[in-house]
Amino acid sequence: MEADLCAGCFRTIDEIARWANVDDDGKRLILAAVAQRRRGLDCDAGRACKAATDEAA
């Protein structure tokens, strides 16, 4: 896991700082990165790994 992630929204400090000025496509990219981080954390904790793997296939 990245060291500088918000524990609530899983965004990096840089993503949080840029959020207000980024366009909709940029926000979608950030949210896609957040979703990937959450899936990784679920697998690290032993939860929903199969579901995360199935989604990637």
C-alpha atoms as a PDB file:
ATOM      1  CA  MET A   1       0.000   0.000   0.000  1.00  0.00           C
ATOM      2  CA  GLU A   2       1.174   3.492  -0.720  1.00  0.00           C
ATOM      3  CA  ALA A   3       2.320   5.389   2.351  1.00  0.00           C
ATOM      4  CA  ASP A   4       0.576   8.675   1.596  1.00  0.00           C
ATOM      5  CA  LEU A   5      -3.016   7.498   1.104  1.00  0.00           C
ATOM      6  CA  CYS A   6      -6.039   8.973   2.815  1.00  0.00           C
ATOM      7  CA  ALA A   7      -7.479   6.218   5.001  1.00  0.00           C
ATOM      8  CA  GLY A   8     -11.031   7.314   4.114  1.00  0.00           C
ATOM      9  CA  CYS A   9     -10.996   7.889   0.353  1.00  0.00           C
ATOM     10  CA  PHE A  10      -7.827   5.977  -0.671  1.00  0.00           C
ATOM     11  CA  ARG A  11      -6.579   8.899  -2.763  1.00  0.00           C
ATOM     12  CA  THR A  12      -2.991  10.099  -2.661  1.00  0.00           C
ATOM     13  CA  ILE A  13      -2.160  13.527  -1.294  1.00  0.00           C
ATOM     14  CA  ASP A  14      -1.462  14.678  -4.870  1.00  0.00           C
ATOM     15  CA  GLU A  15      -4.838  13.370  -6.110  1.00  0.00           C
ATOM     16  CA  ILE A  16      -6.663  15.158  -3.297  1.00  0.00           C
ATOM     17  CA  ALA A  17      -4.832  18.404  -4.054  1.00  0.00           C
ATOM     18  CA  ARG A  18      -5.599  18.217  -7.798  1.00  0.00           C
ATOM     19  CA  TRP A  19      -9.242  17.060  -7.451  1.00  0.00           C
ATOM     20  CA  ALA A  20     -10.868  20.514  -7.600  1.00  0.00           C
ATOM     21  CA  ASN A  21      -8.981  21.457 -10.773  1.00  0.00           C
ATOM     22  CA  VAL A  22      -9.064  18.202 -12.718  1.00  0.00           C
ATOM     23  CA  ASP A  23     -11.651  17.591 -15.451  1.00  0.00           C
ATOM     24  CA  ASP A  24     -14.198  14.759 -15.447  1.00  0.00           C
ATOM     25  CA  ASP A  25     -11.893  12.399 -17.353  1.00  0.00           C
ATOM     26  CA  GLY A  26      -9.141  13.053 -14.828  1.00  0.00           C
ATOM     27  CA  LYS A  27     -11.534  12.352 -11.957  1.00  0.00           C
ATOM     28  CA  ARG A  28     -12.534   9.075 -13.609  1.00  0.00           C
ATOM     29  CA  LEU A  29      -8.859   8.097 -13.825  1.00  0.00           C
ATOM     30  CA  ILE A  30      -8.341   8.919 -10.155  1.00  0.00           C
ATOM     31  CA  LEU A  31     -11.440   6.932  -9.180  1.00  0.00           C
ATOM     32  CA  ALA A  32     -10.239   3.972 -11.263  1.00  0.00           C
ATOM     33  CA  ALA A  33      -6.923   4.080  -9.381  1.00  0.00           C
ATOM     34  CA  VAL A  34      -8.853   4.221  -6.086  1.00  0.00           C
ATOM     35  CA  ALA A  35     -10.905   1.163  -7.081  1.00  0.00           C
ATOM     36  CA  GLN A  36      -7.720  -0.740  -7.912  1.00  0.00           C
ATOM     37  CA  ARG A  37      -6.170   0.206  -4.556  1.00  0.00           C
ATOM     38  CA  ARG A  38      -9.282  -0.938  -2.693  1.00  0.00           C
ATOM     39  CA  ARG A  39      -9.244  -4.298  -4.508  1.00  0.00           C
ATOM     40  CA  GLY A  40      -5.578  -4.690  -3.600  1.00  0.00           C
ATOM     41  CA  LEU A  41      -6.277  -3.926   0.041  1.00  0.00           C
ATOM     42  CA  ASP A  42      -9.142  -6.424   0.096  1.00  0.00           C
ATOM     43  CA  CYS A  43      -6.813  -9.110  -1.225  1.00  0.00           C
ATOM     44  CA  ASP A  44      -4.103  -8.153   1.246  1.00  0.00           C
ATOM     45  CA  ALA A  45      -6.625  -8.596   4.059  1.00  0.00           C
ATOM     46  CA  GLY A  46      -7.850 -11.899   2.602  1.00  0.00           C
ATOM     47  CA  ARG A  47     -11.284 -10.554   1.597  1.00  0.00           C
ATOM     48  CA  ALA A  48     -12.897 -10.670  -1.842  1.00  0.00           C
ATOM     49  CA  CYS A  49      -9.741 -11.763  -3.640  1.00  0.00           C
ATOM     50  CA  LYS A  50     -11.613 -14.121  -5.915  1.00  0.00           C
ATOM     51  CA  ALA A  51     -14.127 -11.421  -6.845  1.00  0.00           C
ATOM     52  CA  ALA A  52     -11.351  -8.939  -7.583  1.00  0.00           C
ATOM     53  CA  THR A  53      -9.554 -11.516  -9.712  1.00  0.00           C
ATOM     54  CA  ASP A  54     -12.744 -12.396 -11.568  1.00  0.00           C
ATOM     55  CA  GLU A  55     -13.414  -8.716 -12.357  1.00  0.00           C
ATOM     56  CA  ALA A  56      -9.969  -8.332 -13.896  1.00  0.00           C
ATOM     57  CA  ALA A  57     -10.504 -11.305 -16.234  1.00  0.00           C
END
